[in-house]
């Protein structure tokens, strides 16, 4: 499984950033 740094992905309808494990937009 290749994960991108800071890649935003939608899981179960929730947008989260890979590796960071945080909700997208909480920067």
C-alpha atoms as a PDB file:
ATOM      1  CA  UNK A   1       0.000   0.000   0.000  1.00  0.00           C
ATOM      2  CA  UNK A   2       1.655   3.224  -1.157  1.00  0.00           C
ATOM      3  CA  UNK A   3       0.770   6.212   1.020  1.00  0.00           C
ATOM      4  CA  UNK A   4       1.297   9.780  -0.142  1.00  0.00           C
ATOM      5  CA  UNK A   5       2.637  12.377   2.276  1.00  0.00           C
ATOM      6  CA  UNK A   6      -0.174  14.774   3.168  1.00  0.00           C
ATOM      7  CA  UNK A   7      -2.528  13.049   0.749  1.00  0.00           C
ATOM      8  CA  UNK A   8      -6.172  13.786   1.555  1.00  0.00           C
ATOM      9  CA  UNK A   9      -8.390  10.712   1.295  1.00  0.00           C
ATOM     10  CA  UNK A  10     -12.068  10.237   2.094  1.00  0.00           C
ATOM     11  CA  UNK A  11     -12.750   7.370   4.497  1.00  0.00           C
ATOM     12  CA  UNK A  12     -16.359   6.537   5.336  1.00  0.00           C
ATOM     13  CA  UNK A  13     -17.287   9.968   4.015  1.00  0.00           C
ATOM     14  CA  UNK A  14     -14.720  11.655   6.268  1.00  0.00           C
ATOM     15  CA  UNK A  15     -11.735  13.437   4.768  1.00  0.00           C
ATOM     16  CA  UNK A  16      -8.513  12.541   6.537  1.00  0.00           C
ATOM     17  CA  UNK A  17      -4.847  13.038   5.760  1.00  0.00           C
ATOM     18  CA  UNK A  18      -2.728   9.921   5.430  1.00  0.00           C
ATOM     19  CA  UNK A  19       0.226   9.584   7.831  1.00  0.00           C
ATOM     20  CA  UNK A  20      -1.005  12.632   9.716  1.00  0.00           C
ATOM     21  CA  UNK A  21      -4.217  10.922  10.810  1.00  0.00           C
ATOM     22  CA  UNK A  22      -5.997  14.288  11.067  1.00  0.00           C
ATOM     23  CA  UNK A  23      -9.179  15.723   9.599  1.00  0.00           C
ATOM     24  CA  UNK A  24      -8.478  17.652   6.394  1.00  0.00           C
ATOM     25  CA  UNK A  25      -8.842  21.369   6.999  1.00  0.00           C
ATOM     26  CA  UNK A  26      -7.524  21.309  10.562  1.00  0.00           C
ATOM     27  CA  UNK A  27      -4.223  22.821   9.447  1.00  0.00           C
END
